[in-house]
Protein backbone atom coordinates (compact mmCIF):
# COMPACT_ATOMS: atom_id res chain seq x y z
CA GLY A 1 -35.91 0.64 1.21
CA LEU A 2 -34.66 1.63 4.47
CA ILE A 3 -31.07 1.51 5.69
CA ASP A 4 -29.70 -0.26 8.27
CA ARG A 5 -27.62 1.74 10.77
CA ASP A 6 -25.74 -0.31 11.60
CA LYS A 7 -24.13 -1.51 8.25
CA MET A 8 -23.45 2.33 7.61
CA ILE A 9 -19.59 3.16 7.45
CA ASP A 10 -19.45 6.61 8.70
CA GLY A 11 -16.02 5.98 10.23
CA THR A 12 -17.37 6.48 13.50
CA LYS A 13 -16.36 2.64 14.62
CA LEU A 14 -12.37 3.34 13.59
CA ALA A 15 -10.19 2.80 16.64
CA ALA A 16 -6.91 2.31 17.32
CA GLY A 17 -5.59 -1.14 17.08
CA ASP A 18 -8.04 -1.58 13.85
CA VAL A 19 -6.35 -3.22 11.03
CA LEU A 20 -5.74 -2.10 7.30
CA ILE A 21 -6.79 -4.58 4.82
CA GLY A 22 -5.40 -3.81 0.92
CA VAL A 23 -7.46 -5.11 -1.54
CA ALA A 24 -5.48 -5.74 -4.59
CA SER A 25 -5.78 -3.90 -7.98
CA SER A 26 -5.41 -5.36 -11.36
CA GLY A 27 -3.11 -2.50 -12.25
CA VAL A 28 -2.49 0.91 -12.84
CA HIS A 29 -6.10 1.34 -13.46
CA SER A 30 -7.20 4.66 -14.70
CA ASN A 31 -4.70 6.93 -12.77
CA GLY A 32 -1.94 8.72 -13.75
CA TYR A 33 -2.00 7.64 -17.22
CA SER A 34 -0.50 11.10 -18.33
CA LEU A 35 2.30 10.17 -16.37
CA VAL A 36 2.77 6.63 -17.81
CA ARG A 37 2.45 7.99 -21.29
CA LYS A 38 5.27 10.64 -20.70
CA THR A 39 7.39 8.65 -18.47
CA LEU A 40 7.27 5.05 -20.65
CA GLY A 41 6.89 7.12 -24.05
CA ILE A 42 3.86 5.70 -24.80
CA ASN A 43 3.79 5.02 -28.95
CA GLU A 44 2.21 2.33 -31.45
CA LYS A 45 5.49 0.20 -31.22
CA SER A 46 6.37 0.58 -27.50
CA VAL A 47 3.17 -0.60 -26.75
CA GLN A 48 3.66 -4.12 -28.64
CA ARG A 49 7.36 -4.45 -26.60
CA TYR A 50 7.19 -7.56 -24.90
CA ILE A 51 8.03 -7.02 -21.24
CA SER A 52 9.64 -10.24 -19.29
CA GLU A 53 8.19 -9.07 -16.11
CA PHE A 54 4.98 -8.91 -16.91
CA GLY A 55 4.57 -11.88 -18.76
CA LYS A 56 2.75 -9.85 -21.37
CA THR A 57 3.36 -6.76 -23.67
CA LEU A 58 3.53 -2.97 -21.90
CA GLY A 59 -0.08 -2.10 -23.94
CA GLU A 60 -1.81 -5.73 -22.39
CA GLU A 61 -0.09 -4.66 -18.80
CA LEU A 62 -1.69 -1.13 -19.30
CA LEU A 63 -4.75 -1.87 -20.50
CA ARG A 64 -6.15 -4.56 -18.15
CA PRO A 65 -9.62 -3.77 -17.27
CA THR A 66 -9.94 -1.87 -13.54
CA LYS A 67 -11.17 -4.23 -11.06
CA ILE A 68 -14.93 -3.70 -9.50
CA TYR A 69 -14.89 -4.58 -6.30
CA VAL A 70 -18.86 -4.12 -4.87
CA LYS A 71 -19.62 -7.83 -4.98
CA PRO A 72 -16.26 -8.77 -2.68
CA VAL A 73 -16.61 -5.66 -0.90
CA LEU A 74 -20.40 -6.30 0.27
CA ALA A 75 -19.76 -10.17 1.28
CA ALA A 76 -16.96 -8.95 3.34
CA MET A 77 -19.33 -6.21 5.29
CA ASP A 78 -21.97 -9.34 5.49
CA ALA A 79 -19.03 -11.17 6.78
CA ALA A 80 -17.30 -8.56 9.03
CA ASP A 81 -17.73 -5.21 11.30
CA VAL A 82 -15.97 -2.77 8.52
CA HIS A 83 -14.99 0.22 9.90
CA GLY A 84 -13.84 2.18 6.74
CA VAL A 85 -13.53 2.22 3.29
CA SER A 86 -11.03 3.95 0.90
CA HIS A 87 -11.00 3.52 -3.09
CA ILE A 88 -7.58 4.32 -4.28
CA THR A 89 -7.86 6.31 -7.31
CA GLY A 90 -6.24 9.72 -8.45
CA GLY A 91 -4.48 11.02 -5.48
CA GLY A 92 -3.37 7.26 -4.08
CA PHE A 93 -3.23 6.75 -0.76
CA TYR A 94 -2.36 10.23 0.83
CA GLU A 95 -5.26 11.65 -0.67
CA ASN A 96 -7.85 8.87 -0.15
CA ILE A 97 -7.37 6.50 2.87
CA PRO A 98 -7.87 10.00 5.03
CA ARG A 99 -11.30 10.55 3.83
CA CYS A 100 -12.29 7.73 6.29
CA ILE A 101 -9.92 8.42 9.02
CA PRO A 102 -10.98 10.44 12.17
CA ASP A 103 -8.85 13.01 13.63
CA GLY A 104 -6.21 11.62 16.32
CA LEU A 105 -6.49 7.90 14.66
CA CYS A 106 -3.85 7.62 11.65
CA ALA A 107 -3.37 4.37 9.36
CA LYS A 108 0.31 3.35 9.45
CA ILE A 109 1.00 0.90 6.29
CA ASP A 110 3.69 -1.34 6.34
CA LYS A 111 5.32 -0.56 2.61
CA SER A 112 7.29 -4.04 3.00
CA ALA A 113 3.93 -5.68 3.64
CA LEU A 114 2.30 -4.26 -0.39
CA ARG A 115 2.38 -6.55 -2.67
CA THR A 116 3.21 -4.02 -5.48
CA PRO A 117 3.05 -5.12 -9.57
CA PRO A 118 6.02 -4.83 -11.54
CA ILE A 119 4.29 -2.08 -13.57
CA PHE A 120 4.82 0.57 -10.59
CA SER A 121 8.34 -0.39 -9.97
CA MET A 122 9.25 0.41 -14.02
CA LEU A 123 7.06 3.75 -13.87
CA GLN A 124 9.61 4.62 -11.13
CA ARG A 125 12.58 3.71 -12.29
CA MET A 126 12.13 5.18 -15.52
CA GLY A 127 10.71 8.40 -14.55
CA SER A 128 12.93 8.98 -11.64
CA ILE A 129 9.44 9.31 -9.36
CA PRO A 130 9.99 9.75 -5.84
CA GLU A 131 8.01 7.34 -3.93
CA HIS A 132 6.04 9.70 -1.99
CA ASP A 133 4.75 10.71 -5.73
CA MET A 134 4.07 7.51 -6.55
CA PHE A 135 2.07 6.98 -3.33
CA ASN A 136 0.14 10.11 -4.04
CA THR A 137 -0.59 9.19 -7.86
CA TYR A 138 -1.02 5.28 -8.06
CA ASN A 139 -2.98 2.81 -6.27
CA MET A 140 0.50 0.87 -6.11
CA GLY A 141 -1.17 -2.61 -6.59
CA VAL A 142 -3.75 -1.37 -3.60
CA GLY A 143 -7.30 -0.58 -5.62
CA MET A 144 -9.18 -0.67 -2.28
CA THR A 145 -8.48 -0.59 1.48
CA MET A 146 -10.58 -1.72 3.83
CA ILE A 147 -10.24 -0.84 7.69
CA VAL A 148 -11.58 -4.12 10.26
CA ALA A 149 -11.98 -4.23 13.84
CA LYS A 150 -8.48 -6.92 14.35
CA ASP A 151 -11.17 -9.94 15.88
CA ASP A 152 -12.55 -9.40 12.28
CA ALA A 153 -9.68 -9.21 9.81
CA ASP A 154 -9.65 -13.21 9.03
CA LYS A 155 -13.55 -13.39 7.96
CA ALA A 156 -13.12 -9.75 5.94
CA LEU A 157 -10.07 -11.91 4.44
CA ALA A 158 -12.01 -14.88 3.60
CA ALA A 159 -14.90 -13.25 2.21
CA LEU A 160 -13.23 -11.19 -0.05
CA LYS A 161 -11.18 -14.34 -0.92
CA GLU A 162 -14.08 -16.37 -1.63
CA ASN A 163 -15.20 -13.79 -3.59
CA GLY A 164 -12.71 -13.70 -6.49
CA GLN A 165 -10.59 -10.69 -4.73
CA ASP A 166 -7.03 -11.38 -3.59
CA ALA A 167 -6.07 -9.16 -0.05
CA TYR A 168 -4.15 -9.10 2.66
CA VAL A 169 -2.75 -7.21 5.54
CA ILE A 170 -1.30 -3.99 5.17
CA GLY A 171 -0.96 -2.21 8.19
CA GLU A 172 -2.77 -1.07 11.20
CA VAL A 173 -4.65 2.08 13.13
CA VAL A 174 -2.72 3.88 15.76
CA SER A 175 -3.26 7.22 17.49
CA GLY A 176 -1.43 9.97 15.74
CA GLU A 177 -2.05 13.48 13.93
CA GLU A 178 -0.55 11.94 10.52
CA LYS A 179 -3.81 10.30 8.75
CA VAL A 180 -1.50 8.20 6.68
CA ALA A 181 1.88 7.02 7.58
CA LEU A 182 4.04 4.75 5.15
CA CYS A 183 6.52 3.07 7.13
């Protein structure tokens, strides 16, 4: 079929003032598992340990299925003018978000807005992992980011939520040479 050029997301519409939406992850997904195993001393016994912070065993937390975002993201694209999308996979925030940010613009992310699940703070604490490395390895509770025009943020959020996906504003696009800034 024909490609609807108005629906293509190529970063050309991105502008200062756009809003970053964090689409919630279901946990660690499949990233950084070598570091998870090393940090948490994963073995047959440790995965059976009940962790009250998680409300389940360590193994159950680590084996949560990875969220699939296709349906909610397509619904958000129908409802709002989406300017950029980044799947937060291996390489975390620092390697994935810049792929959709044009030169001269920066995704300014408010760390205090992030709803980071307890597994990530446990990994950081037990492995003495610097914050930068955490954001460069893990999704920190954000499996995908969507960048939308400020006026469309509520429409995008509503479409995501109507399709069973938790999402919330995590920052904005500003002028700058750094492609990503966590503040």
